[in-house]
Amino acid sequence: MAKDHSNFFNDVYEVAKLIPKGRVTSYGAIGAYLGVKSSARMVGWAMNGAGAHPDVPAHRVVNRQGLLTGKAHFSPPSAMEERLMAEGVEVKNDKIQNFDEVYWDPMIELAL
């Protein structure tokens, strides 16, 4: 029987909605926050499907080096960078500049 990933995807979307404008996080950081450390790829799949959820700021989720690895899932692919730049996030050669300064870690930011 196939696993139903919709609950996990919805959890990913809820965390992504909390990322403030002008900040970014990584696929792995969202997975770790949700208690599934090795789920960066699953978070990526969720972000790939976020187009059906316009309220999810998928452009704010990048890989652990700050690379815009998900840009191919935007239409056009330059839209990911354009949205980040509009929020004041500097991007050069598909990489977030000053990544440490704009990085938003849900484990820290959402700690109870």
C-alpha atoms as a PDB file:
ATOM      1  CA  MET A   1       0.000   0.000   0.000  1.00  0.00           C
ATOM      2  CA  ALA A   2       1.411   3.407  -0.974  1.00  0.00           C
ATOM      3  CA  LYS A   3       2.115   5.884   1.779  1.00  0.00           C
ATOM      4  CA  ASP A   4      -0.057   8.987   1.937  1.00  0.00           C
ATOM      5  CA  HIS A   5       2.382  11.870   1.898  1.00  0.00           C
ATOM      6  CA  SER A   6      -0.319  14.558   1.864  1.00  0.00           C
ATOM      7  CA  ASN A   7      -0.142  15.116   5.645  1.00  0.00           C
ATOM      8  CA  PHE A   8       3.649  15.489   5.510  1.00  0.00           C
ATOM      9  CA  PHE A   9       3.360  17.823   2.518  1.00  0.00           C
ATOM     10  CA  ASN A  10       0.765  19.916   4.367  1.00  0.00           C
ATOM     11  CA  ASP A  11       3.083  20.114   7.387  1.00  0.00           C
ATOM     12  CA  VAL A  12       5.899  21.261   5.071  1.00  0.00           C
ATOM     13  CA  TYR A  13       3.622  23.937   3.598  1.00  0.00           C
ATOM     14  CA  GLU A  14       2.622  25.167   7.052  1.00  0.00           C
ATOM     15  CA  VAL A  15       6.283  25.593   8.065  1.00  0.00           C
ATOM     16  CA  ALA A  16       7.122  27.288   4.746  1.00  0.00           C
ATOM     17  CA  LYS A  17       4.300  29.799   5.300  1.00  0.00           C
ATOM     18  CA  LEU A  18       6.096  30.937   8.471  1.00  0.00           C
ATOM     19  CA  ILE A  19       9.339  31.899   6.704  1.00  0.00           C
ATOM     20  CA  PRO A  20       9.454  35.712   6.858  1.00  0.00           C
ATOM     21  CA  LYS A  21       9.886  37.805   3.729  1.00  0.00           C
ATOM     22  CA  GLY A  22      13.543  38.408   3.036  1.00  0.00           C
ATOM     23  CA  ARG A  23      14.612  35.152   4.702  1.00  0.00           C
ATOM     24  CA  VAL A  24      15.254  31.631   3.376  1.00  0.00           C
ATOM     25  CA  THR A  25      15.547  28.150   4.817  1.00  0.00           C
ATOM     26  CA  SER A  26      16.652  24.766   3.515  1.00  0.00           C
ATOM     27  CA  TYR A  27      14.788  21.597   2.648  1.00  0.00           C
ATOM     28  CA  GLY A  28      16.710  19.736   5.345  1.00  0.00           C
ATOM     29  CA  ALA A  29      15.934  22.335   8.017  1.00  0.00           C
ATOM     30  CA  ILE A  30      12.206  21.937   7.415  1.00  0.00           C
ATOM     31  CA  GLY A  31      12.549  18.146   7.499  1.00  0.00           C
ATOM     32  CA  ALA A  32      14.537  18.268  10.741  1.00  0.00           C
ATOM     33  CA  TYR A  33      11.960  20.591  12.306  1.00  0.00           C
ATOM     34  CA  LEU A  34       9.233  18.102  11.374  1.00  0.00           C
ATOM     35  CA  GLY A  35      11.226  15.318  13.049  1.00  0.00           C
ATOM     36  CA  VAL A  36      12.393  13.561   9.902  1.00  0.00           C
ATOM     37  CA  LYS A  37      16.068  14.497   9.585  1.00  0.00           C
ATOM     38  CA  SER A  38      16.756  12.628   6.346  1.00  0.00           C
ATOM     39  CA  SER A  39      13.692  13.968   4.554  1.00  0.00           C
ATOM     40  CA  ALA A  40      15.229  16.853   2.571  1.00  0.00           C
ATOM     41  CA  ARG A  41      14.250  15.126  -0.680  1.00  0.00           C
ATOM     42  CA  MET A  42      10.640  14.688   0.496  1.00  0.00           C
ATOM     43  CA  VAL A  43      10.526  18.372   1.432  1.00  0.00           C
ATOM     44  CA  GLY A  44      11.810  19.100  -2.078  1.00  0.00           C
ATOM     45  CA  TRP A  45       9.006  17.037  -3.580  1.00  0.00           C
ATOM     46  CA  ALA A  46       6.518  18.964  -1.459  1.00  0.00           C
ATOM     47  CA  MET A  47       7.972  22.266  -2.671  1.00  0.00           C
ATOM     48  CA  ASN A  48       7.789  21.026  -6.285  1.00  0.00           C
ATOM     49  CA  GLY A  49       4.050  20.587  -5.779  1.00  0.00           C
ATOM     50  CA  ALA A  50       3.599  23.913  -4.012  1.00  0.00           C
ATOM     51  CA  GLY A  51       2.527  25.575  -7.267  1.00  0.00           C
ATOM     52  CA  ALA A  52      -0.975  24.344  -6.500  1.00  0.00           C
ATOM     53  CA  HIS A  53      -0.758  26.308  -3.229  1.00  0.00           C
ATOM     54  CA  PRO A  54      -0.094  29.965  -4.104  1.00  0.00           C
ATOM     55  CA  ASP A  55       0.027  30.902  -0.404  1.00  0.00           C
ATOM     56  CA  VAL A  56       3.166  28.755   0.092  1.00  0.00           C
ATOM     57  CA  PRO A  57       6.359  30.797  -0.455  1.00  0.00           C
ATOM     58  CA  ALA A  58       8.290  27.947  -2.078  1.00  0.00           C
ATOM     59  CA  HIS A  59      10.835  30.442  -3.417  1.00  0.00           C
ATOM     60  CA  ARG A  60      12.150  30.855   0.146  1.00  0.00           C
ATOM     61  CA  VAL A  61      13.254  27.199   0.372  1.00  0.00           C
ATOM     62  CA  VAL A  62      16.706  26.427  -1.062  1.00  0.00           C
ATOM     63  CA  ASN A  63      19.345  23.754  -0.619  1.00  0.00           C
ATOM     64  CA  ARG A  64      21.778  23.717   2.315  1.00  0.00           C
ATOM     65  CA  GLN A  65      24.388  25.704   0.381  1.00  0.00           C
ATOM     66  CA  GLY A  66      21.885  28.407  -0.562  1.00  0.00           C
ATOM     67  CA  LEU A  67      21.529  27.257  -4.168  1.00  0.00           C
ATOM     68  CA  LEU A  68      18.248  27.760  -6.021  1.00  0.00           C
ATOM     69  CA  THR A  69      17.952  24.076  -6.869  1.00  0.00           C
ATOM     70  CA  GLY A  70      14.153  24.298  -7.146  1.00  0.00           C
ATOM     71  CA  LYS A  71      14.095  27.020  -9.794  1.00  0.00           C
ATOM     72  CA  ALA A  72      13.215  24.561 -12.585  1.00  0.00           C
ATOM     73  CA  HIS A  73       9.815  24.110 -10.942  1.00  0.00           C
ATOM     74  CA  PHE A  74       8.956  27.795 -11.317  1.00  0.00           C
ATOM     75  CA  SER A  75       7.462  29.247 -14.473  1.00  0.00           C
ATOM     76  CA  PRO A  76       9.576  30.778 -15.793  1.00  0.00           C
ATOM     77  CA  PRO A  77      12.603  29.354 -13.898  1.00  0.00           C
ATOM     78  CA  SER A  78      13.843  32.898 -13.235  1.00  0.00           C
ATOM     79  CA  ALA A  79      10.721  33.551 -11.109  1.00  0.00           C
ATOM     80  CA  MET A  80      12.343  32.024  -8.006  1.00  0.00           C
ATOM     81  CA  GLU A  81      15.257  34.457  -8.134  1.00  0.00           C
ATOM     82  CA  GLU A  82      12.971  37.378  -9.046  1.00  0.00           C
ATOM     83  CA  ARG A  83      10.730  36.753  -6.022  1.00  0.00           C
ATOM     84  CA  LEU A  84      13.720  36.521  -3.671  1.00  0.00           C
ATOM     85  CA  MET A  85      15.304  39.684  -5.086  1.00  0.00           C
ATOM     86  CA  ALA A  86      11.956  41.519  -4.707  1.00  0.00           C
ATOM     87  CA  GLU A  87      12.130  40.649  -0.996  1.00  0.00           C
ATOM     88  CA  GLY A  88      15.675  41.994  -0.693  1.00  0.00           C
ATOM     89  CA  VAL A  89      17.504  38.661  -0.857  1.00  0.00           C
ATOM     90  CA  GLU A  90      20.622  39.001  -2.996  1.00  0.00           C
ATOM     91  CA  VAL A  91      21.130  36.196  -5.511  1.00  0.00           C
ATOM     92  CA  LYS A  92      24.134  35.755  -7.773  1.00  0.00           C
ATOM     93  CA  ASN A  93      24.700  32.794 -10.121  1.00  0.00           C
ATOM     94  CA  ASP A  94      21.703  30.947  -8.600  1.00  0.00           C
ATOM     95  CA  LYS A  95      23.182  31.233  -5.090  1.00  0.00           C
ATOM     96  CA  ILE A  96      21.953  33.255  -2.097  1.00  0.00           C
ATOM     97  CA  GLN A  97      24.529  35.851  -1.097  1.00  0.00           C
ATOM     98  CA  ASN A  98      25.030  36.438   2.651  1.00  0.00           C
ATOM     99  CA  PHE A  99      23.300  33.096   3.182  1.00  0.00           C
ATOM    100  CA  ASP A 100      24.170  32.983   6.904  1.00  0.00           C
ATOM    101  CA  GLU A 101      22.541  36.385   7.436  1.00  0.00           C
ATOM    102  CA  VAL A 102      19.220  35.560   5.733  1.00  0.00           C
ATOM    103  CA  TYR A 103      19.034  31.907   6.819  1.00  0.00           C
ATOM    104  CA  TRP A 104      15.934  31.118   8.886  1.00  0.00           C
ATOM    105  CA  ASP A 105      16.198  27.921  10.959  1.00  0.00           C
ATOM    106  CA  PRO A 106      12.769  26.701  12.096  1.00  0.00           C
ATOM    107  CA  MET A 107      14.388  24.719  14.953  1.00  0.00           C
ATOM    108  CA  ILE A 108      15.547  28.048  16.417  1.00  0.00           C
ATOM    109  CA  GLU A 109      12.918  30.481  15.160  1.00  0.00           C
ATOM    110  CA  LEU A 110       9.964  28.278  16.101  1.00  0.00           C
ATOM    111  CA  ALA A 111      11.363  26.892  19.361  1.00  0.00           C
ATOM    112  CA  LEU A 112       8.759  26.722  22.074  1.00  0.00           C
END
